[in-house]
Protein backbone atom coordinates (compact mmCIF):
# COMPACT_ATOMS: atom_id res chain seq x y z
CA MET A 1 74.43 39.82 112.71
CA HIS A 2 71.61 39.79 110.12
CA VAL A 3 72.91 43.03 108.54
CA ASP A 4 73.00 43.31 104.75
CA ARG A 5 76.03 44.32 102.70
CA SER A 6 74.66 47.73 101.74
CA THR A 7 74.37 48.68 105.41
CA VAL A 8 77.95 47.60 106.09
CA ALA A 9 79.08 49.60 103.05
CA ARG A 10 77.43 52.72 104.51
CA TRP A 11 79.20 52.11 107.81
CA GLU A 12 82.52 51.90 105.97
CA ALA A 13 81.76 55.05 103.95
CA GLY A 14 80.95 56.95 107.14
CA ASP A 15 77.38 57.72 106.04
CA TYR A 16 76.12 56.57 109.43
CA VAL A 17 77.18 54.48 112.39
CA PRO A 18 75.86 51.16 113.73
CA LEU A 19 73.06 51.41 116.24
CA PRO A 20 74.19 50.97 119.88
CA TYR A 21 72.38 47.64 120.27
CA LEU A 22 74.63 46.22 117.50
CA TRP A 23 77.90 47.29 119.13
CA PRO A 24 78.46 44.15 121.27
CA LYS A 25 77.88 41.87 118.26
CA LEU A 26 80.07 44.02 116.01
CA ALA A 27 82.83 44.17 118.60
CA SER A 28 82.77 40.38 118.84
CA VAL A 29 82.91 39.96 115.04
CA LEU A 30 85.85 42.39 114.78
CA GLY A 31 87.64 40.95 117.81
CA ARG A 32 87.65 44.35 119.56
CA SER A 33 86.52 45.55 122.95
CA ARG A 34 83.57 47.94 123.20
CA ASP A 35 85.93 50.84 124.05
CA GLU A 36 88.12 50.02 121.03
CA LEU A 37 85.03 49.87 118.81
CA GLN A 38 83.84 53.23 120.12
CA ALA A 39 87.23 54.78 119.36
CA LEU A 40 87.11 53.26 115.90
CA ILE A 41 83.62 54.53 115.13
CA GLY A 42 84.27 57.97 116.57
CA PRO A 43 82.75 60.22 119.24
CA SER A 44 79.72 61.08 117.09
CA ALA A 45 78.37 57.65 117.88
CA VAL A 46 77.73 58.57 121.49
CA THR A 47 76.52 62.12 120.98
CA ARG A 48 73.51 61.31 118.86
CA GLU A 49 70.28 62.21 120.65
CA PHE A 50 67.99 60.21 118.40
CA SER A 51 66.77 56.87 119.73
CA PRO A 52 63.40 55.49 118.59
CA ASP A 53 61.52 53.95 121.49
CA ASP A 54 60.41 50.33 121.55
CA SER A 55 56.87 51.18 120.41
CA PHE A 56 58.23 51.78 116.91
CA GLU A 57 59.65 48.25 116.57
CA PRO A 58 56.45 46.69 115.12
CA VAL A 59 56.31 49.51 112.57
CA PHE A 60 59.96 48.97 111.61
CA THR A 61 59.24 45.26 111.20
CA TRP A 62 56.23 45.98 108.99
CA LEU A 63 58.32 48.26 106.74
CA ASP A 64 61.13 45.68 106.54
CA ARG A 65 58.69 43.02 105.39
CA HIS A 66 56.89 45.27 102.93
CA ALA A 67 60.10 46.55 101.35
CA GLY A 68 61.80 43.14 101.34
CA TRP A 69 64.58 44.43 103.59
CA PRO A 70 66.52 42.37 106.14
CA LEU A 71 65.03 42.59 109.60
CA GLY A 72 66.40 45.71 111.31
CA HIS A 73 67.18 47.59 108.10
CA ALA A 74 64.25 50.02 108.48
CA ARG A 75 65.48 50.93 111.94
CA GLU A 76 68.96 51.57 110.54
CA GLN A 77 67.55 53.75 107.78
CA VAL A 78 65.46 55.76 110.22
CA TYR A 79 68.47 56.25 112.47
CA ALA A 80 70.51 57.42 109.49
CA SER A 81 67.82 59.98 108.62
CA ALA A 82 67.67 61.36 112.15
CA ALA A 83 70.27 64.05 111.50
CA THR A 84 68.03 65.75 108.94
CA SER A 85 64.71 65.15 110.71
CA THR A 86 62.72 68.11 111.97
CA ARG A 87 60.72 68.63 115.15
CA SER A 88 58.63 71.44 113.67
CA ARG A 89 55.79 71.02 111.23
CA PRO A 90 54.50 73.80 108.96
CA ASN A 91 50.91 74.75 109.68
CA PRO A 92 49.27 76.62 106.78
CA PRO A 93 45.76 78.02 107.34
CA ARG A 94 42.93 75.54 106.96
CA SER A 95 41.35 77.54 104.13
CA VAL A 96 44.58 77.41 102.09
CA ILE A 97 44.61 73.61 102.34
CA ALA A 98 40.97 73.38 101.29
CA ALA A 99 41.39 75.76 98.35
CA SER A 100 44.52 73.99 97.14
CA LEU A 101 42.79 70.61 97.10
CA ALA A 102 39.74 72.04 95.35
CA GLY A 103 42.09 73.24 92.63
CA TYR A 104 43.94 69.94 92.38
CA TYR A 105 40.73 67.93 92.00
CA ALA A 106 38.96 70.53 89.81
CA LEU A 107 35.97 70.73 92.16
CA PRO A 108 33.04 70.83 92.32
CA THR A 109 31.86 67.86 90.28
CA SER A 110 28.25 67.29 89.34
CA ASP A 111 27.46 65.05 92.35
CA HIS A 112 30.18 65.75 94.92
CA ARG A 113 31.56 69.03 96.20
CA PRO A 114 33.49 70.43 99.14
CA TYR A 115 31.46 70.99 102.28
CA THR A 116 30.61 74.69 102.43
CA ALA A 117 28.57 76.52 105.06
CA ARG A 118 27.73 80.00 106.29
CA CYS A 119 27.13 81.05 109.89
CA GLY A 120 26.26 84.70 110.30
CA ARG A 121 28.79 86.67 108.26
CA VAL A 122 31.32 83.84 108.17
CA GLU A 123 31.45 81.51 105.17
CA VAL A 124 33.82 78.53 105.06
CA THR A 125 34.74 75.85 102.55
CA THR A 126 36.45 72.68 103.71
CA SER A 127 38.41 69.83 102.13
CA VAL A 128 35.65 67.34 103.01
CA LEU A 129 34.06 65.98 99.85
CA THR A 130 30.35 65.37 100.37
CA ARG A 131 26.91 65.58 98.79
CA SER A 132 23.54 66.81 100.02
CA ALA A 133 22.28 63.24 100.62
CA TRP A 134 25.14 62.66 103.09
CA LEU A 135 24.25 65.65 105.31
CA ASP A 136 21.70 66.33 108.06
CA LEU A 137 21.38 62.62 108.74
CA ALA A 138 20.08 62.87 112.33
CA CYS A 139 20.87 59.16 112.56
CA SER A 140 20.74 57.70 116.05
CA LEU A 141 23.88 55.65 116.68
CA THR A 142 21.97 52.70 118.09
CA ALA A 143 21.43 49.17 116.83
CA THR A 144 18.34 50.31 114.94
CA GLY A 145 19.77 53.47 113.39
CA GLU A 146 23.27 52.24 112.51
CA GLN A 147 24.22 48.99 110.85
CA THR A 148 27.95 48.79 110.23
CA ALA A 149 29.01 45.28 109.21
CA PHE A 150 32.49 43.80 109.46
CA GLU A 151 33.75 41.74 106.52
CA ALA A 152 36.52 39.31 107.38
CA GLY A 153 39.05 38.33 104.72
CA GLY A 154 38.34 39.53 101.22
CA PRO A 155 40.77 41.06 98.71
CA ARG A 156 42.97 43.93 99.82
CA PRO A 157 44.68 46.42 97.52
CA PRO A 158 48.49 46.28 97.59
CA ALA A 159 50.16 48.68 99.98
CA ALA A 160 51.29 51.83 98.18
CA VAL A 161 54.37 52.71 100.22
CA ASP A 162 57.20 54.98 99.14
CA GLU A 163 60.02 53.58 101.29
CA ARG A 164 62.08 56.77 101.28
CA ALA A 165 59.12 58.90 102.38
CA ALA A 166 58.19 56.28 104.99
CA VAL A 167 61.68 56.32 106.52
CA ARG A 168 61.68 60.09 106.69
CA ARG A 169 58.23 60.06 108.31
CA LEU A 170 59.37 57.64 111.01
CA ALA A 171 62.52 59.67 111.71
CA ASP A 172 60.52 62.86 112.14
CA ALA A 173 57.84 61.07 114.20
CA SER A 174 60.41 59.69 116.63
CA ALA A 175 62.19 63.04 116.94
CA SER A 176 58.87 64.82 117.59
CA GLY A 177 57.41 62.29 120.02
CA ILE A 178 54.53 61.35 117.71
CA ARG A 179 52.80 58.12 118.70
CA ILE A 180 52.59 55.49 115.97
CA ALA A 181 51.42 52.05 117.04
CA ASP A 182 50.77 49.16 114.68
CA VAL A 183 47.20 48.46 115.79
CA PRO A 184 44.29 47.17 113.68
CA LEU A 185 42.34 49.80 111.79
CA TYR A 186 39.04 49.60 109.94
CA ARG A 187 39.00 50.36 106.22
CA LEU A 188 35.75 51.47 104.62
CA LEU A 189 34.46 49.23 101.83
CA GLU A 190 30.89 50.45 101.35
CA VAL A 191 28.77 53.26 102.79
CA ASP A 192 25.16 54.31 102.41
CA PRO A 193 24.32 57.23 104.71
CA ARG A 194 20.70 58.35 104.65
CA PRO A 195 18.56 60.47 106.99
CA GLY A 196 17.79 58.32 110.01
CA ALA A 197 19.74 55.30 108.77
CA LEU A 198 23.42 54.51 108.30
CA ARG A 199 24.65 51.41 106.48
CA ALA A 200 28.33 50.62 106.00
CA LYS A 201 30.73 47.73 105.51
CA VAL A 202 34.29 47.71 106.82
CA GLY A 203 37.31 45.43 106.57
CA ILE A 204 40.56 45.42 108.52
CA ALA A 205 43.89 47.10 107.82
CA SER A 206 47.14 47.88 109.60
CA PHE A 207 47.77 51.29 111.14
CA ALA A 208 51.41 50.96 110.09
CA GLU A 209 50.33 50.62 106.46
CA TYR A 210 48.07 53.65 106.78
CA ALA A 211 50.67 55.81 108.54
CA LEU A 212 53.36 54.98 105.96
CA SER A 213 51.22 55.29 102.84
CA VAL A 214 48.08 57.43 102.41
CA ASP A 215 48.65 59.46 105.56
CA LEU A 216 51.84 60.82 103.98
CA LEU A 217 49.68 62.75 101.51
CA GLU A 218 48.94 65.34 104.20
CA ARG A 219 52.63 65.86 104.86
CA GLU A 220 53.45 66.12 101.16
CA LEU A 221 50.71 68.70 100.62
CA ILE A 222 51.59 70.86 103.63
CA GLU A 223 55.30 70.90 102.82
CA HIS A 224 54.43 71.76 99.22
CA LEU A 225 52.27 74.72 100.32
CA ALA A 226 54.81 75.85 102.93
CA SER A 227 57.43 76.20 100.20
CA GLY A 228 55.17 78.57 98.27
CA ARG A 229 54.26 76.12 95.51
CA SER A 230 50.74 75.51 94.24
CA ALA A 231 49.08 72.10 94.48
CA ARG A 232 49.11 70.85 90.90
CA ARG A 233 49.29 67.48 89.28
CA GLU A 234 52.71 66.13 88.41
CA ARG A 235 54.14 68.14 91.30
CA MET A 236 53.05 65.87 94.15
CA PRO A 237 54.13 62.33 93.25
CA LEU A 238 52.57 60.56 96.24
CA ARG A 239 49.15 62.09 95.59
CA ASP A 240 49.46 61.62 91.83
CA ARG A 241 50.03 57.92 92.39
CA GLN A 242 47.64 57.15 95.25
CA LEU A 243 44.74 59.62 95.04
CA PRO A 244 44.95 61.33 91.63
CA ASP A 245 41.29 62.21 91.00
CA VAL A 246 37.78 62.14 92.42
CA SER A 247 37.13 58.71 90.93
CA ALA A 248 40.03 57.33 92.96
CA VAL A 249 38.70 59.05 96.09
CA LEU A 250 35.27 57.42 95.62
CA ASN A 251 36.70 53.97 94.84
CA LEU A 252 36.55 52.72 98.42
CA PRO A 253 37.23 49.00 97.82
CA GLY A 254 40.15 49.80 95.54
CA ARG A 255 42.21 51.73 98.09
CA LEU A 256 43.02 51.92 101.77
CA CYS A 257 40.25 54.20 102.99
CA ALA A 258 40.79 54.56 106.73
CA GLY A 259 39.24 57.27 108.78
CA GLY A 260 37.46 58.20 111.86
CA VAL A 261 34.69 59.15 114.15
CA LEU A 262 34.58 62.67 115.52
CA ALA A 263 31.84 64.33 117.49
CA LEU A 264 30.85 67.69 118.86
CA THR A 265 30.13 67.15 122.56
CA ALA A 266 27.36 69.33 124.02
CA ILE A 267 26.53 69.09 127.74
CA ALA A 268 23.41 70.68 129.23
CA ARG A 269 24.03 73.04 132.14
CA PRO A 270 21.50 74.57 134.53
CA THR A 271 21.07 78.28 135.10
CA ASP A 272 24.03 79.75 136.98
CA PRO A 273 24.05 83.11 138.83
CA PHE A 274 27.52 83.93 137.47
CA ARG A 275 27.37 82.38 133.97
CA GLY A 276 23.74 83.05 133.07
CA GLY A 277 20.83 81.02 131.74
CA ALA A 278 20.55 77.32 131.01
CA ASP A 279 22.68 76.33 128.03
CA PHE A 280 24.83 73.64 126.45
CA VAL A 281 28.59 73.80 126.91
CA LEU A 282 30.44 72.90 123.70
CA LEU A 283 33.91 71.36 124.01
CA VAL A 284 36.65 72.18 121.48
CA GLN A 285 40.18 70.84 121.68
CA LYS A 286 43.53 71.90 120.31
CA ARG A 287 45.21 68.73 119.09
CA SER A 288 48.58 67.95 120.64
CA ALA A 289 51.87 67.65 118.75
CA GLN A 290 51.96 63.90 119.48
CA VAL A 291 49.04 62.92 117.24
CA VAL A 292 49.61 61.42 113.80
CA ASN A 293 47.75 64.07 111.81
CA THR A 294 46.15 67.52 112.23
CA ALA A 295 48.62 68.28 115.02
CA ASN A 296 48.20 71.65 116.77
CA ARG A 297 44.85 72.26 115.08
CA LEU A 298 41.39 72.84 116.50
CA SER A 299 38.88 70.02 116.46
CA VAL A 300 35.82 68.69 118.18
CA ILE A 301 36.29 66.09 120.90
CA PRO A 302 36.25 63.11 120.88
CA LYS A 303 38.15 62.49 117.64
CA SER A 304 39.42 59.02 116.89
CA PHE A 305 40.53 56.61 114.24
CA HIS A 306 37.88 53.97 113.68
CA GLY A 307 39.38 50.67 114.82
CA PRO A 308 38.62 47.63 116.97
CA LEU A 309 39.60 47.26 120.59
CA ALA A 310 38.68 43.70 121.62
CA ASP A 311 35.98 42.43 119.22
CA ARG A 312 36.46 43.23 115.54
CA ARG A 313 32.84 42.56 114.61
CA ALA A 314 31.08 44.25 117.52
CA ASP A 315 33.49 47.22 117.61
CA ALA A 316 32.81 48.05 113.95
CA ARG A 317 29.80 50.17 114.84
CA ILE A 318 30.40 53.92 114.92
CA GLY A 319 28.44 54.24 118.16
CA VAL A 320 30.70 51.72 119.91
CA THR A 321 33.82 53.67 118.95
CA LEU A 322 32.22 56.91 120.07
CA ARG A 323 31.32 55.60 123.53
CA ARG A 324 34.83 54.21 123.96
CA GLU A 325 36.41 57.51 122.92
CA LEU A 326 34.27 59.45 125.37
CA GLU A 327 35.74 57.22 128.07
CA GLU A 328 39.30 57.68 126.83
CA GLU A 329 39.39 61.31 125.72
CA LEU A 330 37.10 62.96 128.28
CA PHE A 331 36.49 60.61 131.22
CA GLY A 332 40.03 59.47 132.02
CA ARG A 333 40.01 55.79 130.93
CA THR A 334 43.65 55.15 129.96
CA ASP A 335 43.02 51.40 129.74
CA VAL A 336 41.04 51.84 126.49
CA ASP A 337 43.83 53.79 124.76
CA ARG A 338 44.73 51.67 121.72
CA SER A 339 48.10 53.40 121.33
CA ALA A 340 49.22 52.16 124.76
CA GLY A 341 49.93 48.58 123.65
CA ASP A 342 48.28 45.18 123.73
CA LEU A 343 44.98 44.86 125.56
CA ARG A 344 44.69 42.34 128.40
CA VAL A 345 41.06 42.93 129.38
CA ALA A 346 38.42 40.66 127.83
CA ASP A 347 35.66 43.29 127.81
CA PRO A 348 37.01 46.84 128.24
CA MET A 349 33.52 48.37 128.09
CA HIS A 350 31.93 45.97 130.58
CA PRO A 351 29.53 47.90 132.87
CA THR A 352 31.73 47.18 135.90
CA ARG A 353 34.70 48.90 134.25
CA LEU A 354 32.94 52.08 133.15
CA SER A 355 34.00 55.44 134.55
CA ALA A 356 31.63 57.07 137.02
CA PRO A 357 30.37 59.62 134.42
CA MET A 358 29.70 56.94 131.78
CA ARG A 359 28.06 54.60 134.29
CA TRP A 360 25.70 57.39 135.35
CA LEU A 361 24.87 58.22 131.72
CA SER A 362 24.12 54.57 131.00
CA GLU A 363 21.79 54.04 133.97
CA GLN A 364 18.79 55.76 132.42
CA PRO A 365 17.72 56.20 128.78
CA GLY A 366 17.52 59.79 127.63
CA ARG A 367 20.59 61.03 129.47
CA LEU A 368 22.91 60.55 126.49
CA ARG A 369 22.09 61.11 122.82
CA MET A 370 24.54 60.13 120.05
CA GLU A 371 23.79 60.88 116.39
CA CYS A 372 25.64 60.86 113.11
CA THR A 373 25.09 64.27 111.54
CA GLY A 374 26.98 63.88 108.25
CA PHE A 375 29.45 61.91 106.20
CA GLY A 376 32.28 62.93 103.89
CA LEU A 377 35.61 61.93 102.41
CA ASN A 378 38.51 64.17 103.40
CA LEU A 379 40.63 65.03 100.37
CA VAL A 380 43.70 65.66 102.55
CA SER A 381 44.40 61.91 102.84
CA GLY A 382 41.22 60.32 101.50
CA ASN A 383 39.98 59.52 105.02
CA TYR A 384 36.32 58.88 105.72
CA GLU A 385 34.73 61.15 108.31
CA PHE A 386 31.60 60.30 110.28
CA ALA A 387 30.65 63.67 111.78
CA SER A 388 28.62 63.09 114.93
CA LEU A 389 26.95 64.84 117.83
CA VAL A 390 27.06 63.76 121.48
CA VAL A 391 24.45 65.46 123.64
CA ILE A 392 24.21 64.99 127.41
CA GLU A 393 20.68 66.23 127.91
CA ASP A 394 20.29 65.77 131.66
CA GLU A 395 21.54 69.01 133.21
CA GLU A 396 22.30 67.16 136.46
CA PHE A 397 25.42 65.75 134.80
CA TRP A 398 27.44 68.98 134.85
CA PRO A 399 27.12 69.73 138.60
CA ARG A 400 27.96 66.06 139.34
CA PHE A 401 30.73 65.32 136.86
CA GLY A 402 31.81 68.58 135.20
CA GLY A 403 35.01 68.53 137.25
CA ASP A 404 35.84 65.04 135.97
CA VAL A 405 35.81 66.04 132.30
CA GLU A 406 39.45 66.27 131.23
CA ALA A 407 41.14 65.75 127.85
CA ASN A 408 43.82 63.08 127.45
CA TRP A 409 47.29 63.28 125.82
CA GLU A 410 45.79 63.77 122.34
CA ALA A 411 44.80 67.33 123.25
CA ALA A 412 47.12 70.22 124.06
CA GLY A 413 44.21 72.24 125.40
CA LEU A 414 40.44 72.19 125.91
CA GLN A 415 38.11 75.17 125.59
CA GLN A 416 34.40 75.54 126.35
CA TYR A 417 31.83 77.66 124.56
CA SER A 418 28.26 78.43 125.57
CA THR A 419 25.44 77.94 123.07
CA LEU A 420 24.05 81.26 124.33
CA ASP A 421 27.12 83.11 123.02
CA GLY A 422 26.54 83.34 119.28
CA ASP A 423 29.21 85.99 118.77
CA LEU A 424 32.03 83.89 120.25
CA ILE A 425 30.93 80.80 118.35
CA THR A 426 30.84 82.72 115.06
CA GLU A 427 34.33 84.03 115.83
CA LEU A 428 35.46 80.46 116.58
CA ILE A 429 34.16 79.21 113.21
CA ALA A 430 36.35 81.79 111.47
CA ASP A 431 39.52 80.62 113.26
CA LYS A 432 42.17 79.67 110.67
CA ASN A 433 43.60 76.88 112.84
CA TRP A 434 40.72 74.42 112.53
CA SER A 435 41.28 71.04 110.97
CA ASN A 436 38.95 70.65 108.00
CA GLU A 437 37.20 67.58 109.37
CA GLY A 438 36.90 69.18 112.81
CA LEU A 439 35.14 72.23 111.39
CA PHE A 440 32.88 69.97 109.31
CA ALA A 441 31.77 68.10 112.43
CA PHE A 442 31.41 71.30 114.48
CA LEU A 443 29.16 73.00 111.93
CA GLN A 444 27.00 69.93 111.39
CA GLY A 445 26.77 69.53 115.15
CA ILE A 446 25.58 73.04 115.95
CA ARG A 447 23.21 72.90 112.98
CA ARG A 448 21.55 69.82 114.49
CA LEU A 449 21.75 71.21 118.04
CA ALA A 450 19.78 74.28 116.93
CA GLU A 451 16.94 71.93 115.91
CA ILE A 452 16.76 70.00 119.18
CA GLY A 453 18.19 72.35 121.80
CA GLY A 454 15.29 74.76 122.28
CA ASP A 455 15.96 77.95 124.23
CA ARG A 456 19.40 76.73 125.30
CA VAL A 457 20.74 77.47 121.82
CA LYS A 458 21.09 81.00 120.46
CA ILE A 459 23.52 80.61 117.56
CA PRO A 460 23.16 82.14 114.08
CA ALA A 461 21.71 79.59 111.69
CA VAL A 462 24.20 77.43 109.80
CA GLU A 463 23.27 77.52 106.12
CA LEU A 464 24.71 74.89 103.80
CA GLY A 465 26.19 75.78 100.44
CA CYS A 466 26.75 72.24 99.16
């Protein structure tokens, strides 16, 4: 049956029951019928609601191999933890998370400090560690402005996985409907962001490794704060071991530094007799409960993990990921969703496969502008964040395709804000439910938009404090 002795001992002790898929094999070994086995195990075996779907199997296999467990043991452990798993996640205010991490890391340091900005009467500090040279990049995400290189092979740091915390994470994820797929993920090895130019080097990692190691730091921190405890060293063992100080945060080759691309999307609209003058519409999402991190928080859209789809070398560029995520998160392309399973299309972004909005944007230069506006390292989990701005400058787009713009499953809601409404935007910035990286990208985006948007933008100036 490929089941180890410790698992059998737990069955005998009544700690948990065999999974249903093992019942026929177990019945055969014991010389019992299925009905006799069910009577022997007890009625609780058929009343359990927990059942991880098949998409978790690759993640279970990864954990089995990493921990040196027999194949199937991780699934058994997750099933056993289901009774104590929770479908609700605490959601402390964004500012509390940022302040707690600033205290843990004794910030600011001489060169790096948390991203801080003021807009009107609202001042915010985030958990994104940055420096002045990493901000206001205005870097065009084209072949000339961005050069992100993929490095195949090379040394990789050992996976820092706490098996008990990983099992609990998978049990809660399955109970809550969170999507975790073991897809390739880029890890940042080097980065040199400068105004007008972005240079970076990335390697490859496993999303399963990320989800069951460094991503657990967010959960540990939030649960710690929700219980009323302060974020101090020697109180958070996962963080103490994996990301104990600023030096560890900045040591990109020495750790699994995954992360993402997130962009404020601004779409030009013509004058409207009901809405008012010509403006840009800004799109802000509320993240769904199914996403791996920052669930139920506000963010810009698109927001994605940086990872390859079909070509590891070509897909490494930030601009490539951003175009793909526009298709997936706003233009309805479900076939480029990496969480949906293995890809069967040779070239998912071939011109003949583009959505109607993206095809129209690609037909003429000047219709779509994509820039990186800033870079930082998020202290929540050590993720890298390439804050970006997507501007659709041709106001013909909105009358043609505005009705086609719809968020995918990653968003629980989508709101629009006019760049002529400074009061509402200032109020939005003060919202406590932002994710830290989302607010970072939003502020850098409207700061850049004020420089290039002309009379369409009437927002109080965003002044940096870092």
